Protein backbone atom coordinates (compact mmCIF):
# COMPACT_ATOMS: atom_id res chain seq x y z
CA MET A 1 47.57 90.39 82.76
CA THR A 2 50.21 91.19 85.40
CA GLY A 3 51.74 88.96 87.95
CA TYR A 4 50.72 91.17 90.64
CA SER A 5 48.01 89.51 92.99
CA TYR A 6 46.38 91.25 95.94
CA ALA A 7 45.61 89.43 99.08
CA THR A 8 42.05 88.08 99.68
CA ARG A 9 40.29 85.91 102.09
CA ALA A 10 39.86 82.19 101.63
CA ASP A 11 35.87 82.62 100.95
CA ASP A 12 36.59 85.74 98.52
CA PRO A 13 34.55 85.37 95.44
CA VAL A 14 37.70 86.17 93.48
CA HIS A 15 38.95 82.44 93.89
CA THR A 16 35.98 81.01 92.61
CA VAL A 17 35.90 83.27 89.72
CA ARG A 18 39.51 82.68 88.51
CA THR A 19 38.60 78.97 88.90
CA ILE A 20 35.77 79.54 86.51
CA GLY A 21 38.08 81.22 84.28
CA ARG A 22 40.80 78.43 84.26
CA ILE A 23 37.92 75.81 83.59
CA ALA A 24 36.31 77.87 80.79
CA GLN A 25 40.12 78.00 79.15
CA MET A 26 40.04 74.14 79.71
CA LEU A 27 36.89 73.75 77.77
CA LEU A 28 37.92 75.91 74.92
CA GLU A 29 41.09 73.93 74.48
CA LEU A 30 39.10 70.67 74.87
CA ARG A 31 36.72 71.88 72.13
CA ASP A 32 39.42 72.48 69.72
CA GLU A 33 41.00 69.29 70.32
CA TYR A 34 37.61 67.42 69.90
CA VAL A 35 37.03 69.35 66.61
CA ALA A 36 40.39 68.24 65.28
CA LYS A 37 40.12 64.59 66.49
CA PRO A 38 36.90 63.37 68.08
CA ARG A 39 37.46 61.02 70.77
CA GLN A 40 35.18 59.59 73.24
CA ASP A 41 37.72 60.46 76.19
CA LEU A 42 37.60 64.23 75.32
CA LEU A 43 33.99 63.93 75.48
CA GLN A 44 34.23 62.77 78.82
CA GLN A 45 36.56 65.34 79.89
CA ILE A 46 34.28 68.09 78.65
CA ASP A 47 31.37 66.42 80.50
CA GLN A 48 33.63 66.48 83.71
CA ARG A 49 34.50 70.22 83.30
CA LEU A 50 30.76 71.15 82.79
CA PHE A 51 29.89 69.41 85.91
CA ASP A 52 32.85 71.15 87.76
CA LEU A 53 31.30 74.69 86.27
CA GLU A 54 28.25 73.48 88.04
CA GLN A 55 29.70 73.21 91.30
CA LEU A 56 31.25 76.48 91.00
CA HIS A 57 28.04 78.08 90.07
CA HIS A 58 26.51 77.06 93.15
CA GLU A 59 29.84 77.99 95.04
CA LEU A 60 29.71 81.47 93.80
CA THR A 61 26.07 81.76 94.67
CA VAL A 62 26.89 81.17 98.15
CA ARG A 63 29.93 83.38 98.09
CA MET A 64 27.88 86.22 96.61
CA ALA A 65 25.33 85.65 99.47
CA ASN A 66 27.89 85.62 102.07
CA THR A 67 29.44 88.99 100.88
CA ARG A 68 28.45 91.93 102.73
CA PRO A 69 27.94 95.04 100.38
CA ASP A 70 31.05 97.18 102.15
CA GLU A 71 33.07 94.24 101.00
CA GLN A 72 32.30 94.37 97.14
CA ARG A 73 35.12 95.99 95.11
């Protein structure tokens, strides 16, 4: 991954997709931590991240609907 980032509009789906990726990475790390040492607080964090993903799913659906075909890459 390069350090280069192209300019995007604030409502561009790329922002949502990047956030989804960050949360997915967090979930993997939480999974590994929970497998190594099961704790209730880790389950709560996993649950919160899943809720965050649900919200992002809705956000992505809205942004996809608002993206005109000529704006797609």
